């Protein structure tokens, strides 16, 4: 075997080995506190940033921050006005959890109202529950404030031109409002903005 053939064979073996190594799937455990962004799109790190930057001013500067009696709030969700499928209930769930832990707010469990009504009807109408243990009717708490929001985004890409990389920009804005249900007046509002630029090679895997 000539040296040229040996060299070519060695190169082929090394290339095949590198290809196998490069195609091997790997996993690792990451901290949820670590900021990880694989592209410019919304991710869990953005959710944590949004929640933190909304909860802090709500606790510190809203009209509810100085109340002695924890007000009752109902959350009617965050409307997703982006082009992406983003489950905004994850944002409201984290906001609710953080405010509950602060001990300054109480929340209506709006997602379980149907189940609560079903259980109440069963206790009174099934004949299987003793009168002494039935839940008293017309004792549910009424919400004083309503928390709502809107998530929006703007997407931009570099115009067509000769280049090695293509840049794109994604901007997110989440606006949160606290409304007094009795007066229909907005008692507090706050916005959080996020923007990220990504750069990708024109040719790649």
Protein backbone atom coordinates (compact mmCIF):
# COMPACT_ATOMS: atom_id res chain seq x y z
CA UNK A 1 0.00 0.00 0.00
CA UNK A 2 1.50 3.30 -1.08
CA UNK A 3 1.95 6.18 1.37
CA UNK A 4 -0.61 8.21 -0.58
CA UNK A 5 -3.26 5.52 -0.11
CA UNK A 6 -2.35 5.17 3.56
CA UNK A 7 -2.69 8.93 4.07
CA UNK A 8 -6.05 9.01 2.30
CA UNK A 9 -7.28 6.07 4.36
CA UNK A 10 -6.16 7.75 7.59
CA UNK A 11 -7.92 10.96 6.65
CA UNK A 12 -11.10 9.02 5.86
CA UNK A 13 -11.00 7.19 9.18
CA UNK A 14 -10.41 10.42 11.13
CA UNK A 15 -13.21 12.16 9.24
CA UNK A 16 -15.62 9.30 9.91
CA UNK A 17 -14.67 9.31 13.60
CA UNK A 18 -15.22 13.05 13.88
CA UNK A 19 -18.56 12.70 12.12
CA UNK A 20 -19.67 10.00 14.55
CA UNK A 21 -18.57 12.06 17.56
CA UNK A 22 -20.31 15.16 16.19
CA UNK A 23 -23.58 13.28 15.66
CA UNK A 24 -23.68 11.81 19.16
CA UNK A 25 -26.57 13.18 21.21
CA UNK A 26 -25.66 14.57 24.62
CA UNK A 27 -27.66 16.00 27.51
CA UNK A 28 -26.82 17.96 30.61
CA UNK A 29 -28.73 19.29 33.59
CA UNK A 30 -28.86 23.08 33.68
CA UNK A 31 -29.90 25.51 36.38
CA UNK A 32 -33.19 27.29 35.76
CA UNK A 33 -31.45 30.42 37.06
CA UNK A 34 -28.96 30.24 34.18
CA UNK A 35 -29.76 32.51 31.23
CA UNK A 36 -29.86 30.24 28.18
CA UNK A 37 -30.81 31.54 24.74
CA UNK A 38 -30.45 29.35 21.64
CA UNK A 39 -32.06 31.95 19.41
CA UNK A 40 -33.89 35.26 19.67
CA UNK A 41 -37.28 33.69 20.47
CA UNK A 42 -39.06 33.71 23.83
CA UNK A 43 -37.82 31.10 26.32
CA UNK A 44 -37.98 30.18 30.02
CA UNK A 45 -35.25 32.67 30.92
CA UNK A 46 -37.42 35.45 29.50
CA UNK A 47 -40.38 34.28 31.58
CA UNK A 48 -38.35 34.49 34.78
CA UNK A 49 -37.14 37.99 33.89
CA UNK A 50 -40.66 39.19 33.05
CA UNK A 51 -42.15 37.81 36.26
CA UNK A 52 -39.40 39.31 38.43
CA UNK A 53 -39.71 42.75 36.80
CA UNK A 54 -43.49 42.78 37.23
CA UNK A 55 -43.78 41.40 40.75
CA UNK A 56 -41.23 43.77 42.30
CA UNK A 57 -43.00 47.04 41.31
CA UNK A 58 -46.42 45.52 42.06
CA UNK A 59 -45.26 44.86 45.62
CA UNK A 60 -43.42 48.17 46.00
CA UNK A 61 -45.30 50.87 44.07
CA UNK A 62 -48.86 49.71 43.41
CA UNK A 63 -51.80 51.05 45.48
CA UNK A 64 -51.97 47.61 47.11
CA UNK A 65 -48.45 47.73 48.51
CA UNK A 66 -49.49 49.68 51.61
CA UNK A 67 -52.80 48.00 52.43
CA UNK A 68 -53.15 46.36 55.85
CA UNK A 69 -55.83 43.86 54.77
CA UNK A 70 -54.68 41.63 51.87
CA UNK A 71 -56.94 42.54 48.91
CA UNK A 72 -58.66 39.81 46.89
CA UNK A 73 -57.54 39.65 43.26
CA UNK A 74 -58.72 37.65 40.27
CA UNK A 75 -56.41 37.04 37.29
CA UNK A 76 -58.08 36.96 33.89
CA UNK A 77 -54.93 36.09 32.03
CA UNK A 78 -52.45 37.64 29.65
CA UNK A 79 -53.48 37.95 26.01
CA UNK A 80 -50.88 36.67 23.56
CA UNK A 81 -50.61 39.15 20.69
CA UNK A 82 -47.38 37.67 19.30
CA UNK A 83 -46.96 35.43 16.26
CA UNK A 84 -45.65 32.63 18.49
CA UNK A 85 -47.48 29.98 20.49
CA UNK A 86 -46.63 31.18 24.00
CA UNK A 87 -48.48 29.77 27.00
CA UNK A 88 -48.92 32.97 29.00
CA UNK A 89 -50.58 31.07 31.86
CA UNK A 90 -47.05 30.20 32.98
CA UNK A 91 -46.42 33.91 33.53
CA UNK A 92 -49.61 34.48 35.52
CA UNK A 93 -49.07 31.32 37.58
CA UNK A 94 -45.60 32.52 38.60
CA UNK A 95 -46.87 36.03 39.36
CA UNK A 96 -49.65 34.60 41.55
CA UNK A 97 -47.22 32.31 43.38
CA UNK A 98 -44.77 35.13 44.09
CA UNK A 99 -47.51 37.46 45.38
CA UNK A 100 -49.01 34.73 47.57
CA UNK A 101 -45.61 34.05 49.10
CA UNK A 102 -45.29 37.76 49.88
CA UNK A 103 -48.41 37.39 52.06
CA UNK A 104 -49.97 40.66 50.89
CA UNK A 105 -52.57 39.38 48.42
CA UNK A 106 -55.34 36.78 48.18
CA UNK A 107 -56.49 35.27 44.89
CA UNK A 108 -59.74 33.86 43.56
CA UNK A 109 -59.17 30.42 42.03
CA UNK A 110 -60.98 31.25 38.79
CA UNK A 111 -59.85 28.09 36.99
CA UNK A 112 -61.59 25.87 39.57
CA UNK A 113 -64.93 27.65 39.75
CA UNK A 114 -66.66 24.92 37.78
CA UNK A 115 -65.31 22.20 40.06
CA UNK A 116 -66.22 24.21 43.15
CA UNK A 117 -69.81 24.58 41.88
CA UNK A 118 -69.96 20.86 41.11
CA UNK A 119 -68.76 19.91 44.59
CA UNK A 120 -71.14 22.38 46.27
CA UNK A 121 -74.10 20.99 44.30
CA UNK A 122 -73.09 17.45 45.23
CA UNK A 123 -72.93 18.29 48.93
CA UNK A 124 -76.45 19.78 48.91
CA UNK A 125 -78.26 17.67 46.32
CA UNK A 126 -76.79 14.18 46.46
CA UNK A 127 -78.16 13.30 49.91
CA UNK A 128 -74.82 11.65 50.68
CA UNK A 129 -73.23 14.46 52.70
CA UNK A 130 -74.23 15.17 56.29
CA UNK A 131 -75.69 18.67 56.90
CA UNK A 132 -73.08 19.33 59.58
CA UNK A 133 -70.19 19.09 57.11
CA UNK A 134 -71.74 20.85 54.12
CA UNK A 135 -69.99 23.99 52.90
CA UNK A 136 -72.14 27.01 53.67
CA UNK A 137 -73.46 28.62 50.52
CA UNK A 138 -73.04 32.27 49.48
CA UNK A 139 -69.78 32.56 51.41
CA UNK A 140 -67.32 32.84 48.52
CA UNK A 141 -65.06 35.85 48.51
CA UNK A 142 -65.58 38.52 45.88
CA UNK A 143 -62.59 39.97 44.06
CA UNK A 144 -61.85 43.67 44.51
CA UNK A 145 -59.20 43.90 41.77
CA UNK A 146 -58.66 42.29 38.38
CA UNK A 147 -55.18 41.62 36.99
CA UNK A 148 -54.84 41.45 33.20
CA UNK A 149 -52.11 41.90 30.64
CA UNK A 150 -51.02 41.78 27.01
CA UNK A 151 -47.87 40.27 25.48
CA UNK A 152 -46.74 41.74 22.14
CA UNK A 153 -43.74 41.23 19.90
CA UNK A 154 -41.97 42.80 16.92
CA UNK A 155 -39.75 40.80 14.57
CA UNK A 156 -37.13 42.29 12.27
CA UNK A 157 -34.60 40.77 9.84
CA UNK A 158 -31.74 42.32 7.91
CA UNK A 159 -32.59 43.09 4.27
CA UNK A 160 -31.28 40.87 1.49
CA UNK A 161 -27.63 41.55 0.70
CA UNK A 162 -24.33 39.76 0.17
CA UNK A 163 -23.05 38.69 3.58
CA UNK A 164 -21.79 35.67 5.55
CA UNK A 165 -24.26 36.03 8.42
CA UNK A 166 -27.86 37.09 8.72
CA UNK A 167 -29.11 39.04 11.75
CA UNK A 168 -32.62 39.04 13.19
CA UNK A 169 -34.15 40.94 16.08
CA UNK A 170 -37.03 39.97 18.37
CA UNK A 171 -38.67 42.50 20.70
CA UNK A 172 -41.18 41.61 23.43
CA UNK A 173 -43.34 43.89 25.54
CA UNK A 174 -45.62 42.73 28.35
CA UNK A 175 -48.08 45.28 29.74
CA UNK A 176 -49.82 44.46 33.04
CA UNK A 177 -52.85 46.29 34.48
CA UNK A 178 -54.60 46.23 37.85
CA UNK A 179 -58.25 47.30 37.60
CA UNK A 180 -60.56 48.25 40.47
CA UNK A 181 -63.67 46.14 39.75
CA UNK A 182 -66.01 48.48 41.69
CA UNK A 183 -65.04 51.61 39.74
CA UNK A 184 -63.61 50.04 36.53
CA UNK A 185 -60.63 52.38 36.96
CA UNK A 186 -57.08 51.23 36.24
CA UNK A 187 -55.32 51.48 39.60
CA UNK A 188 -51.84 50.50 38.42
CA UNK A 189 -50.00 49.60 35.22
CA UNK A 190 -46.48 48.50 34.39
CA UNK A 191 -44.58 47.24 31.33
CA UNK A 192 -41.55 45.01 30.82
CA UNK A 193 -39.52 45.05 27.60
CA UNK A 194 -37.08 42.47 26.23
CA UNK A 195 -35.06 42.60 23.00
CA UNK A 196 -32.61 40.07 21.58
CA UNK A 197 -30.53 39.96 18.39
CA UNK A 198 -29.43 36.69 16.76
CA UNK A 199 -26.76 36.21 14.11
CA UNK A 200 -26.76 33.08 11.95
CA UNK A 201 -24.42 31.93 9.17
CA UNK A 202 -26.00 31.76 5.75
CA UNK A 203 -24.65 28.21 5.30
CA UNK A 204 -24.59 25.76 8.17
CA UNK A 205 -26.11 22.69 9.73
